[in-house]
Amino acid sequence: MEFRVTIGGFGLLRTESPQGRGDKEGMKLLNFLKEEWVIPELSGTDKPSVLKDLSGVLVKPCGATSSEELVQILLEREKLGSTGIGEGVAIPHGRLKRLKHFFISFGRSTRGIDFDSIDHKPCQLFFMVMAPENSAVENLNLLGRIARLLKDPSFKKKLMGAKTQKEIFQVISDEDERY
């Protein structure tokens, strides 16, 4: 099965996974995101420092040597085009050879951060995805799922209104279970 997903204005061909699970099953965000990887208020004030914040919580789970290793991978991806997809959202992502599965961190900036977004507006909500190197189809499925969830204004409003790490994680969990 094939269909198109638009991420940041780019139409991407999407296919069902070989198991036919699509994004309804295997691509649940909670399969790859833990509460302790949620950052209620990012301390970074620019793209590199935000990527460092988001990477910091995934260094150990990803088996990376440092957050700088992950930041380098993410900045290399950013050279292809910004992962700021507009409407206050960014989905920075990169691939790491040694990974066997995906890892996601989430961060929020209530003040907003210039992330070279396609609509030139500050980003406030960040889902960072670290993917296995040979996961092209699954990677597109996961990025598409995140983008679709974040198209819902009420979901974004709930994420911005949540006060604590636990509340933010619960908002993500509730939304992830709905679809």
C-alpha atoms as a PDB file:
ATOM      1  CA  MET A   1       0.000   0.000   0.000  1.00  0.00           C
ATOM      2  CA  GLU A   2       1.339   3.441  -0.879  1.00  0.00           C
ATOM      3  CA  PHE A   3       0.207   6.959  -0.074  1.00  0.00           C
ATOM      4  CA  ARG A   4       1.704  10.399   0.390  1.00  0.00           C
ATOM      5  CA  VAL A   5       2.600  12.118   3.646  1.00  0.00           C
ATOM      6  CA  THR A   6       3.563  15.777   3.606  1.00  0.00           C
ATOM      7  CA  ILE A   7       6.200  16.789   6.125  1.00  0.00           C
ATOM      8  CA  GLY A   8       7.155  20.424   6.060  1.00  0.00           C
ATOM      9  CA  GLY A   9       5.767  20.917   2.585  1.00  0.00           C
ATOM     10  CA  PHE A  10       7.612  17.948   1.108  1.00  0.00           C
ATOM     11  CA  GLY A  11       5.478  15.113  -0.243  1.00  0.00           C
ATOM     12  CA  LEU A  12       7.034  11.824   0.784  1.00  0.00           C
ATOM     13  CA  LEU A  13       6.038   8.435  -0.531  1.00  0.00           C
ATOM     14  CA  ARG A  14       5.013   6.200   2.294  1.00  0.00           C
ATOM     15  CA  THR A  15       4.542   2.455   2.274  1.00  0.00           C
ATOM     16  CA  GLU A  16       3.186  -0.021   4.752  1.00  0.00           C
ATOM     17  CA  SER A  17       5.806  -1.953   6.675  1.00  0.00           C
ATOM     18  CA  PRO A  18       6.520  -5.512   5.490  1.00  0.00           C
ATOM     19  CA  GLN A  19       4.428  -6.813   8.375  1.00  0.00           C
ATOM     20  CA  GLY A  20       1.523  -4.669   7.173  1.00  0.00           C
ATOM     21  CA  ARG A  21       1.376  -2.870  10.507  1.00  0.00           C
ATOM     22  CA  GLY A  22       1.573   0.622   9.085  1.00  0.00           C
ATOM     23  CA  ASP A  23       1.538   3.316  11.700  1.00  0.00           C
ATOM     24  CA  LYS A  24      -1.433   2.040  13.705  1.00  0.00           C
ATOM     25  CA  GLU A  25       0.667  -0.487  15.567  1.00  0.00           C
ATOM     26  CA  GLY A  26       4.501  -0.745  15.686  1.00  0.00           C
ATOM     27  CA  MET A  27       4.807   3.039  15.239  1.00  0.00           C
ATOM     28  CA  LYS A  28       3.282   4.120  18.535  1.00  0.00           C
ATOM     29  CA  LEU A  29       5.403   6.932  19.960  1.00  0.00           C
ATOM     30  CA  LEU A  30       5.368   5.348  23.400  1.00  0.00           C
ATOM     31  CA  ASN A  31       7.270   2.367  21.990  1.00  0.00           C
ATOM     32  CA  PHE A  32      10.240   4.721  21.607  1.00  0.00           C
ATOM     33  CA  LEU A  33       9.677   7.564  24.120  1.00  0.00           C
ATOM     34  CA  LYS A  34      10.044   7.354  27.901  1.00  0.00           C
ATOM     35  CA  GLU A  35       8.829   9.894  30.426  1.00  0.00           C
ATOM     36  CA  GLU A  36      12.384  10.690  31.515  1.00  0.00           C
ATOM     37  CA  TRP A  37      13.203  11.709  27.928  1.00  0.00           C
ATOM     38  CA  VAL A  38      10.638  14.548  28.071  1.00  0.00           C
ATOM     39  CA  ILE A  39      12.070  18.021  28.725  1.00  0.00           C
ATOM     40  CA  PRO A  40       9.347  20.436  29.943  1.00  0.00           C
ATOM     41  CA  GLU A  41      11.443  23.554  29.279  1.00  0.00           C
ATOM     42  CA  LEU A  42      14.447  23.456  26.977  1.00  0.00           C
ATOM     43  CA  SER A  43      17.371  25.564  28.166  1.00  0.00           C
ATOM     44  CA  GLY A  44      18.806  25.981  24.663  1.00  0.00           C
ATOM     45  CA  THR A  45      18.313  29.265  22.847  1.00  0.00           C
ATOM     46  CA  ASP A  46      19.396  28.285  19.323  1.00  0.00           C
ATOM     47  CA  LYS A  47      19.386  25.218  17.079  1.00  0.00           C
ATOM     48  CA  PRO A  48      22.682  23.651  18.246  1.00  0.00           C
ATOM     49  CA  SER A  49      21.924  24.117  21.945  1.00  0.00           C
ATOM     50  CA  VAL A  50      18.372  22.769  21.576  1.00  0.00           C
ATOM     51  CA  LEU A  51      19.747  19.721  19.767  1.00  0.00           C
ATOM     52  CA  LYS A  52      22.230  19.276  22.622  1.00  0.00           C
ATOM     53  CA  ASP A  53      19.378  19.426  25.183  1.00  0.00           C
ATOM     54  CA  LEU A  54      17.322  16.876  23.252  1.00  0.00           C
ATOM     55  CA  SER A  55      20.355  14.642  22.677  1.00  0.00           C
ATOM     56  CA  GLY A  56      21.495  14.751  26.287  1.00  0.00           C
ATOM     57  CA  VAL A  57      18.695  12.483  27.498  1.00  0.00           C
ATOM     58  CA  LEU A  58      19.384   9.923  24.748  1.00  0.00           C
ATOM     59  CA  VAL A  59      23.176   9.560  25.014  1.00  0.00           C
ATOM     60  CA  LYS A  60      23.061   6.522  27.291  1.00  0.00           C
ATOM     61  CA  PRO A  61      20.013   4.807  25.698  1.00  0.00           C
ATOM     62  CA  CYS A  62      21.547   5.222  22.213  1.00  0.00           C
ATOM     63  CA  GLY A  63      24.960   4.038  23.366  1.00  0.00           C
ATOM     64  CA  ALA A  64      26.520   7.286  22.144  1.00  0.00           C
ATOM     65  CA  THR A  65      29.839   8.534  23.434  1.00  0.00           C
ATOM     66  CA  SER A  66      28.447  12.032  24.092  1.00  0.00           C
ATOM     67  CA  SER A  67      25.619  14.392  23.219  1.00  0.00           C
ATOM     68  CA  GLU A  68      28.023  16.010  20.737  1.00  0.00           C
ATOM     69  CA  GLU A  69      28.089  12.775  18.732  1.00  0.00           C
ATOM     70  CA  LEU A  70      24.300  12.897  18.346  1.00  0.00           C
ATOM     71  CA  VAL A  71      24.275  16.661  17.726  1.00  0.00           C
ATOM     72  CA  GLN A  72      26.761  16.204  14.849  1.00  0.00           C
ATOM     73  CA  ILE A  73      24.490  13.620  13.222  1.00  0.00           C
ATOM     74  CA  LEU A  74      21.492  15.920  13.620  1.00  0.00           C
ATOM     75  CA  LEU A  75      23.312  18.982  12.287  1.00  0.00           C
ATOM     76  CA  GLU A  76      24.440  16.981   9.243  1.00  0.00           C
ATOM     77  CA  ARG A  77      20.773  16.148   8.585  1.00  0.00           C
ATOM     78  CA  GLU A  78      19.816  19.818   9.064  1.00  0.00           C
ATOM     79  CA  LYS A  79      22.198  20.725   6.200  1.00  0.00           C
ATOM     80  CA  LEU A  80      19.778  18.910   3.855  1.00  0.00           C
ATOM     81  CA  GLY A  81      16.966  21.205   4.988  1.00  0.00           C
ATOM     82  CA  SER A  82      15.518  22.346   8.256  1.00  0.00           C
ATOM     83  CA  THR A  83      13.438  19.891  10.244  1.00  0.00           C
ATOM     84  CA  GLY A  84      11.397  22.846  11.499  1.00  0.00           C
ATOM     85  CA  ILE A  85       8.164  21.881   9.745  1.00  0.00           C
ATOM     86  CA  GLY A  86       6.202  25.011  10.625  1.00  0.00           C
ATOM     87  CA  GLU A  87       3.427  25.968  13.013  1.00  0.00           C
ATOM     88  CA  GLY A  88       5.821  25.928  15.976  1.00  0.00           C
ATOM     89  CA  VAL A  89       6.992  22.348  15.402  1.00  0.00           C
ATOM     90  CA  ALA A  90      10.368  20.760  14.675  1.00  0.00           C
ATOM     91  CA  ILE A  91      11.179  17.073  14.238  1.00  0.00           C
ATOM     92  CA  PRO A  92      14.974  16.837  14.183  1.00  0.00           C
ATOM     93  CA  HIS A  93      16.090  13.354  13.249  1.00  0.00           C
ATOM     94  CA  GLY A  94      19.148  11.354  12.344  1.00  0.00           C
ATOM     95  CA  ARG A  95      20.422   7.813  11.920  1.00  0.00           C
ATOM     96  CA  LEU A  96      22.941   5.991  14.043  1.00  0.00           C
ATOM     97  CA  LYS A  97      24.587   2.759  12.826  1.00  0.00           C
ATOM     98  CA  ARG A  98      24.583   0.924  16.144  1.00  0.00           C
ATOM     99  CA  LEU A  99      20.875   1.366  16.894  1.00  0.00           C
ATOM    100  CA  LYS A 100      18.532  -1.600  16.707  1.00  0.00           C
ATOM    101  CA  HIS A 101      15.375   0.461  17.243  1.00  0.00           C
ATOM    102  CA  PHE A 102      14.167   4.063  17.445  1.00  0.00           C
ATOM    103  CA  PHE A 103      14.610   6.494  20.315  1.00  0.00           C
ATOM    104  CA  ILE A 104      12.545   9.665  20.734  1.00  0.00           C
ATOM    105  CA  SER A 105      13.018  12.622  23.050  1.00  0.00           C
ATOM    106  CA  PHE A 106      10.590  15.506  23.404  1.00  0.00           C
ATOM    107  CA  GLY A 107      11.303  19.072  24.405  1.00  0.00           C
ATOM    108  CA  ARG A 108       9.272  22.231  24.754  1.00  0.00           C
ATOM    109  CA  SER A 109      10.256  25.877  24.682  1.00  0.00           C
ATOM    110  CA  THR A 110       7.511  28.170  25.917  1.00  0.00           C
ATOM    111  CA  ARG A 111       9.440  31.187  24.610  1.00  0.00           C
ATOM    112  CA  GLY A 112      10.062  29.688  21.158  1.00  0.00           C
ATOM    113  CA  ILE A 113      13.364  29.170  19.363  1.00  0.00           C
ATOM    114  CA  ASP A 114      14.516  30.143  15.886  1.00  0.00           C
ATOM    115  CA  PHE A 115      14.986  26.761  14.205  1.00  0.00           C
ATOM    116  CA  ASP A 116      15.054  27.912  10.557  1.00  0.00           C
ATOM    117  CA  SER A 117      11.485  26.684  10.245  1.00  0.00           C
ATOM    118  CA  ILE A 118       9.892  26.630   6.801  1.00  0.00           C
ATOM    119  CA  ASP A 119       7.340  29.257   7.923  1.00  0.00           C
ATOM    120  CA  HIS A 120      10.105  31.381   9.543  1.00  0.00           C
ATOM    121  CA  LYS A 121       8.316  31.251  12.920  1.00  0.00           C
ATOM    122  CA  PRO A 122       9.867  30.133  16.208  1.00  0.00           C
ATOM    123  CA  CYS A 123       9.500  26.484  17.205  1.00  0.00           C
ATOM    124  CA  GLN A 124       8.122  25.507  20.586  1.00  0.00           C
ATOM    125  CA  LEU A 125       7.548  21.766  20.287  1.00  0.00           C
ATOM    126  CA  PHE A 126      10.378  19.388  19.405  1.00  0.00           C
ATOM    127  CA  PHE A 127      10.259  15.642  18.846  1.00  0.00           C
ATOM    128  CA  MET A 128      13.790  14.340  18.211  1.00  0.00           C
ATOM    129  CA  VAL A 129      14.095  10.927  16.571  1.00  0.00           C
ATOM    130  CA  MET A 130      17.227   8.797  16.466  1.00  0.00           C
ATOM    131  CA  ALA A 131      16.769   5.933  14.006  1.00  0.00           C
ATOM    132  CA  PRO A 132      18.642   2.780  13.037  1.00  0.00           C
ATOM    133  CA  GLU A 133      20.703   3.283   9.884  1.00  0.00           C
ATOM    134  CA  ASN A 134      18.725   0.873   7.674  1.00  0.00           C
ATOM    135  CA  SER A 135      15.208   1.941   8.591  1.00  0.00           C
ATOM    136  CA  ALA A 136      14.087   4.175   5.722  1.00  0.00           C
ATOM    137  CA  VAL A 137      10.447   3.045   5.486  1.00  0.00           C
ATOM    138  CA  GLU A 138       9.918   2.800   9.236  1.00  0.00           C
ATOM    139  CA  ASN A 139      11.657   6.157   9.719  1.00  0.00           C
ATOM    140  CA  LEU A 140       9.278   7.852   7.270  1.00  0.00           C
ATOM    141  CA  ASN A 141       6.330   6.165   8.959  1.00  0.00           C
ATOM    142  CA  LEU A 142       7.387   7.411  12.383  1.00  0.00           C
ATOM    143  CA  LEU A 143       8.170  10.953  11.202  1.00  0.00           C
ATOM    144  CA  GLY A 144       4.837  11.048   9.368  1.00  0.00           C
ATOM    145  CA  ARG A 145       2.987   9.879  12.476  1.00  0.00           C
ATOM    146  CA  ILE A 146       4.582  12.609  14.599  1.00  0.00           C
ATOM    147  CA  ALA A 147       3.810  15.253  11.966  1.00  0.00           C
ATOM    148  CA  ARG A 148       0.161  14.153  11.733  1.00  0.00           C
ATOM    149  CA  LEU A 149      -0.305  14.190  15.508  1.00  0.00           C
ATOM    150  CA  LEU A 150       1.155  17.695  15.668  1.00  0.00           C
ATOM    151  CA  LYS A 151      -1.204  19.006  12.985  1.00  0.00           C
ATOM    152  CA  ASP A 152      -3.966  18.850  15.627  1.00  0.00           C
ATOM    153  CA  PRO A 153      -4.168  22.304  17.261  1.00  0.00           C
ATOM    154  CA  SER A 154      -5.790  20.898  20.414  1.00  0.00           C
ATOM    155  CA  PHE A 155      -2.887  18.457  20.917  1.00  0.00           C
ATOM    156  CA  LYS A 156      -0.364  21.277  20.581  1.00  0.00           C
ATOM    157  CA  LYS A 157      -2.382  23.421  22.987  1.00  0.00           C
ATOM    158  CA  LYS A 158      -2.420  20.589  25.561  1.00  0.00           C
ATOM    159  CA  LEU A 159       1.352  20.127  25.182  1.00  0.00           C
ATOM    160  CA  MET A 160       1.906  23.837  25.747  1.00  0.00           C
ATOM    161  CA  GLY A 161      -0.475  23.924  28.724  1.00  0.00           C
ATOM    162  CA  ALA A 162       0.938  20.931  30.591  1.00  0.00           C
ATOM    163  CA  LYS A 163       3.009  21.986  33.590  1.00  0.00           C
ATOM    164  CA  THR A 164       5.260  19.050  34.402  1.00  0.00           C
ATOM    165  CA  GLN A 165       7.239  16.302  32.690  1.00  0.00           C
ATOM    166  CA  LYS A 166       4.628  13.808  33.886  1.00  0.00           C
ATOM    167  CA  GLU A 167       1.723  15.890  32.506  1.00  0.00           C
ATOM    168  CA  ILE A 168       3.419  16.354  29.127  1.00  0.00           C
ATOM    169  CA  PHE A 169       4.125  12.630  28.897  1.00  0.00           C
ATOM    170  CA  GLN A 170       0.483  11.891  29.764  1.00  0.00           C
ATOM    171  CA  VAL A 171      -0.734  14.248  26.998  1.00  0.00           C
ATOM    172  CA  ILE A 172       1.515  12.455  24.492  1.00  0.00           C
ATOM    173  CA  SER A 173       0.411   9.061  25.813  1.00  0.00           C
ATOM    174  CA  ASP A 174      -3.285   9.933  25.559  1.00  0.00           C
ATOM    175  CA  GLU A 175      -2.913  11.221  22.009  1.00  0.00           C
ATOM    176  CA  ASP A 176      -0.769   8.249  20.975  1.00  0.00           C
ATOM    177  CA  GLU A 177      -3.441   5.845  22.213  1.00  0.00           C
ATOM    178  CA  ARG A 178      -6.219   7.617  20.308  1.00  0.00           C
ATOM    179  CA  TYR A 179      -4.745   6.770  16.903  1.00  0.00           C
END
